[in-house]
Amino acid sequence: MHLPDGEMVDLTRRLGAAIAPDGTLIVVGHHPDDLMTGLRHGRRKFLVTPEDLMPAVDLEGWTVEVVGARNRMMAWPDGKQVS
C-alpha cells in the first residue's frame, strides 16, 4: 500500500493490534533513498523508513528482531548497476 502523510504509521499500528499472541508482523516498504537511484519515482510522502514506523509498535509484548534498511542491486536497461 502507498499511503500518504504518515498514514503508514497508523496502518502499522492497526496491523500490530490484529496480530495473535506469538504472531509475526513483517513490514516491507520503499525507502526514501530509493528516489536517488532514479529507478523509483513518486512522492517522498509515500516512502517510509523503519524508524518512521517504530512509534506504531507497542513494544510491550513484542520482540523486535530487525529495524533497518537493506540495500539491493538493480540494473538500468543499459546495464548500469545502482543500489
Protein backbone atom coordinates (compact mmCIF):
# COMPACT_ATOMS: atom_id res chain seq x y z
CA MET A 1 0.00 0.00 0.00
CA HIS A 2 1.14 3.51 -0.69
CA LEU A 3 -0.42 5.67 1.98
CA PRO A 4 0.41 9.36 2.19
CA ASP A 5 1.13 11.72 5.04
CA GLY A 6 2.12 9.32 7.79
CA GLU A 7 -0.86 7.03 7.35
CA MET A 8 1.52 4.07 7.15
CA VAL A 9 2.22 4.56 10.86
CA ASP A 10 -1.49 4.22 11.66
CA LEU A 11 -1.83 1.18 9.39
CA THR A 12 1.15 -0.48 11.08
CA ARG A 13 -0.38 0.23 14.49
CA ARG A 14 -3.69 -1.36 13.44
CA LEU A 15 -1.99 -4.37 11.87
CA GLY A 16 0.08 -4.90 15.01
CA ALA A 17 -3.05 -4.83 17.16
CA ALA A 18 -4.63 -7.52 14.97
CA ILE A 19 -1.75 -10.00 15.31
CA ALA A 20 -2.41 -13.00 17.54
CA PRO A 21 -0.15 -13.58 20.55
CA ASP A 22 3.21 -15.01 19.43
CA GLY A 23 2.39 -13.90 15.88
CA THR A 24 4.71 -12.14 13.47
CA LEU A 25 4.40 -8.78 11.76
CA ILE A 26 6.71 -8.07 8.83
CA VAL A 27 6.59 -4.66 7.19
CA VAL A 28 8.43 -4.12 3.93
CA GLY A 29 8.42 -0.81 2.12
CA HIS A 30 10.24 1.52 -0.21
CA HIS A 31 12.87 3.66 1.49
CA PRO A 32 13.11 7.37 0.62
CA ASP A 33 16.70 6.79 -0.55
CA ASP A 34 15.22 4.86 -3.49
CA LEU A 35 14.37 8.21 -5.07
CA MET A 36 18.08 8.96 -5.50
CA THR A 37 18.68 5.88 -7.67
CA GLY A 38 16.41 7.12 -10.44
CA LEU A 39 14.67 3.74 -10.50
CA ARG A 40 11.89 4.80 -8.17
CA HIS A 41 9.51 7.57 -8.99
CA GLY A 42 6.78 9.03 -6.89
CA ARG A 43 6.38 11.25 -3.92
CA ARG A 44 8.53 11.25 -0.82
CA LYS A 45 5.45 11.15 1.41
CA PHE A 46 4.62 7.64 0.17
CA LEU A 47 8.02 6.28 1.23
CA VAL A 48 8.93 5.30 4.79
CA THR A 49 11.95 4.40 6.86
CA PRO A 50 11.83 1.68 9.51
CA GLU A 51 12.35 4.40 12.10
CA ASP A 52 9.23 6.18 10.81
CA LEU A 53 7.16 3.15 11.75
CA MET A 54 8.61 2.36 15.17
CA PRO A 55 6.23 4.75 17.02
CA ALA A 56 3.41 2.48 15.83
CA VAL A 57 4.82 -0.54 17.65
CA ASP A 58 3.71 -1.10 21.22
CA LEU A 59 6.94 -2.68 22.44
CA GLU A 60 5.23 -4.38 25.35
CA GLY A 61 4.67 -7.97 24.30
CA TRP A 62 6.75 -7.68 21.10
CA THR A 63 10.24 -8.79 20.26
CA VAL A 64 11.70 -6.53 17.60
CA GLU A 65 14.25 -8.52 15.62
CA VAL A 66 15.24 -6.16 12.82
CA VAL A 67 14.74 -2.45 12.24
CA GLY A 68 16.72 -1.36 9.25
CA ALA A 69 17.03 -0.77 5.56
CA ARG A 70 18.66 -3.26 3.22
CA ASN A 71 20.42 -2.36 0.01
CA ARG A 72 19.80 -4.31 -3.15
CA MET A 73 21.39 -4.02 -6.54
CA MET A 74 19.29 -3.09 -9.54
CA ALA A 75 20.26 -2.51 -13.14
CA TRP A 76 19.21 0.18 -15.56
CA PRO A 77 18.18 -1.14 -19.00
CA ASP A 78 21.70 -0.21 -20.21
CA GLY A 79 23.21 -2.50 -17.54
CA LYS A 80 24.41 0.25 -15.17
CA GLN A 81 24.21 -1.04 -11.60
CA VAL A 82 22.68 1.04 -8.79
CA SER A 83 21.79 0.24 -5.20
